Protein backbone atom coordinates (compact mmCIF):
# COMPACT_ATOMS: atom_id res chain seq x y z
CA UNK A 1 -2.72 8.39 19.05
CA UNK A 2 -4.09 6.75 15.92
CA UNK A 3 -1.49 6.38 13.23
CA UNK A 4 -0.12 4.31 10.39
CA UNK A 5 3.61 3.99 9.86
CA UNK A 6 5.12 2.71 6.63
CA UNK A 7 8.57 1.16 6.43
CA UNK A 8 10.64 -0.90 4.04
CA UNK A 9 11.27 1.62 1.31
CA UNK A 10 14.68 2.20 -0.20
CA UNK A 11 16.71 2.06 -3.37
CA UNK A 12 16.78 -1.02 -5.56
CA UNK A 13 17.91 -1.92 -9.06
CA UNK A 14 15.40 -2.72 -11.80
CA UNK A 15 14.14 -6.26 -11.41
CA UNK A 16 14.68 -6.18 -7.67
CA UNK A 17 12.22 -6.62 -4.81
CA UNK A 18 11.13 -4.76 -1.72
CA UNK A 19 8.56 -5.45 0.96
CA UNK A 20 6.74 -2.52 2.47
CA UNK A 21 5.08 -2.68 5.86
CA UNK A 22 2.22 -0.60 7.21
CA UNK A 23 1.90 -0.85 10.97
CA UNK A 24 -1.07 0.57 12.81
CA UNK A 25 -1.03 1.90 16.35
CA UNK A 26 -3.89 3.13 18.47
CA UNK A 27 -6.48 1.10 16.60
CA UNK A 28 -6.98 -2.37 15.15
CA UNK A 29 -6.76 -2.92 11.42
CA UNK A 30 -9.08 -5.93 11.79
CA UNK A 31 -12.08 -3.77 10.97
CA UNK A 32 -10.54 -1.66 8.25
CA UNK A 33 -9.96 -1.96 4.57
CA UNK A 34 -6.32 -1.14 3.89
CA UNK A 35 -4.71 0.08 0.73
CA UNK A 36 -1.35 0.99 -0.73
CA UNK A 37 -0.98 4.11 -2.83
CA UNK A 38 1.90 5.92 -4.45
CA UNK A 39 2.68 9.36 -5.76
CA UNK A 40 5.49 10.18 -8.12
CA UNK A 41 6.73 13.74 -8.63
CA UNK A 42 4.33 15.69 -10.82
CA UNK A 43 1.76 12.90 -10.87
CA UNK A 44 -1.48 12.25 -9.07
CA UNK A 45 -1.65 9.73 -6.26
CA UNK A 46 -2.40 6.26 -7.60
CA UNK A 47 -4.15 3.44 -5.78
CA UNK A 48 -2.12 0.26 -6.22
CA UNK A 49 -3.74 -2.43 -4.12
CA UNK A 50 -6.50 -2.58 -1.53
CA UNK A 51 -7.62 -5.42 0.71
CA UNK A 52 -10.89 -5.79 2.58
CA UNK A 53 -11.08 -6.25 6.35
CA UNK A 54 -11.96 -9.93 5.97
CA UNK A 55 -9.25 -10.53 3.33
CA UNK A 56 -11.84 -11.83 0.88
CA UNK A 57 -11.56 -8.99 -1.59
CA UNK A 58 -8.36 -7.70 -3.12
CA UNK A 59 -7.88 -5.17 -5.87
CA UNK A 60 -4.74 -4.54 -7.92
CA UNK A 61 -4.18 -1.74 -10.35
CA UNK A 62 -3.17 -2.90 -13.81
CA UNK A 63 0.19 -1.21 -13.37
CA UNK A 64 1.19 -3.62 -10.59
CA UNK A 65 -0.92 -6.72 -11.22
CA UNK A 66 1.23 -9.83 -11.26
CA UNK A 67 4.18 -8.04 -9.63
CA UNK A 68 2.86 -6.76 -6.30
CA UNK A 69 1.09 -8.73 -3.58
CA UNK A 70 -0.82 -7.29 -0.64
CA UNK A 71 -1.26 -9.25 2.58
CA UNK A 72 -2.13 -8.63 6.19
CA UNK A 73 -1.08 -10.07 9.53
CA UNK A 74 -3.79 -9.22 12.01
CA UNK A 75 -1.75 -10.53 14.91
CA UNK A 76 0.88 -7.90 14.12
CA UNK A 77 -1.69 -5.26 13.13
CA UNK A 78 0.30 -4.83 9.94
CA UNK A 79 -0.34 -4.89 6.20
CA UNK A 80 2.39 -5.66 3.70
CA UNK A 81 3.08 -4.95 0.06
CA UNK A 82 5.50 -7.35 -1.57
CA UNK A 83 6.91 -5.72 -4.68
CA UNK A 84 8.74 -7.84 -7.23
CA UNK A 85 10.15 -7.14 -10.69
CA UNK A 86 10.46 -3.48 -9.86
CA UNK A 87 10.76 -0.98 -12.69
CA UNK A 88 12.10 2.58 -12.78
CA UNK A 89 8.52 3.81 -13.22
CA UNK A 90 7.69 2.36 -9.80
CA UNK A 91 9.78 5.13 -8.24
CA UNK A 92 7.51 7.13 -5.94
CA UNK A 93 6.53 7.80 -2.36
CA UNK A 94 4.39 4.93 -1.17
CA UNK A 95 1.58 5.43 1.33
CA UNK A 96 -0.79 3.14 3.15
CA UNK A 97 -4.28 4.08 4.21
CA UNK A 98 -7.04 2.51 6.28
CA UNK A 99 -10.75 3.06 5.86
CA UNK A 100 -13.44 1.77 8.18
CA UNK A 101 -16.28 1.64 5.69
CA UNK A 102 -15.67 0.74 2.10
CA UNK A 103 -18.11 -0.12 -0.64
CA UNK A 104 -15.59 -2.08 -2.65
CA UNK A 105 -11.82 -2.42 -2.50
CA UNK A 106 -11.69 -1.14 -6.06
CA UNK A 107 -13.51 2.02 -5.02
CA UNK A 108 -11.15 2.54 -2.11
CA UNK A 109 -8.15 2.32 -4.41
CA UNK A 110 -9.48 4.16 -7.45
CA UNK A 111 -10.99 6.99 -5.40
CA UNK A 112 -8.03 7.22 -2.98
CA UNK A 113 -10.24 6.84 0.06
CA UNK A 114 -8.77 6.55 3.53
CA UNK A 115 -9.66 7.59 7.06
CA UNK A 116 -6.05 7.37 8.20
CA UNK A 117 -2.91 7.82 6.14
CA UNK A 118 0.73 7.08 6.82
CA UNK A 119 3.54 9.54 6.25
CA UNK A 120 4.94 7.68 3.25
CA UNK A 121 8.12 5.82 2.41
CA UNK A 122 10.32 6.50 -0.61
CA UNK A 123 10.95 3.77 -3.18
CA UNK A 124 13.57 4.44 -5.82
CA UNK A 125 14.23 2.00 -8.67
CA UNK A 126 17.35 2.87 -10.60
CA UNK A 127 20.41 1.26 -12.08
């Protein structure tokens, strides 16, 4: 069964940090672009950060640039999103997605493109 599973979400105070993980099973992420997306209640899904299969291209949305860092560990078939300086407006359900053919990482993120999607993990930032 091909699937992505996110973990690492939770509740944190403003200014805190979390690290999300996206683990793939049934296929290798080595050949996929991978992205992190989020959706807050009443809002459209937003592409936050996407990384190419060869790690040479990375895109960050302006809303998270300088605070979030995407990385991948091919040996663990996992992609991470390190989130620092969290704000209440970062509260959302966070999803990861993998896409086998991408034109650019920016396109993957901006157009919300993914072949496989995880089930999501909740992140709540509140004092």
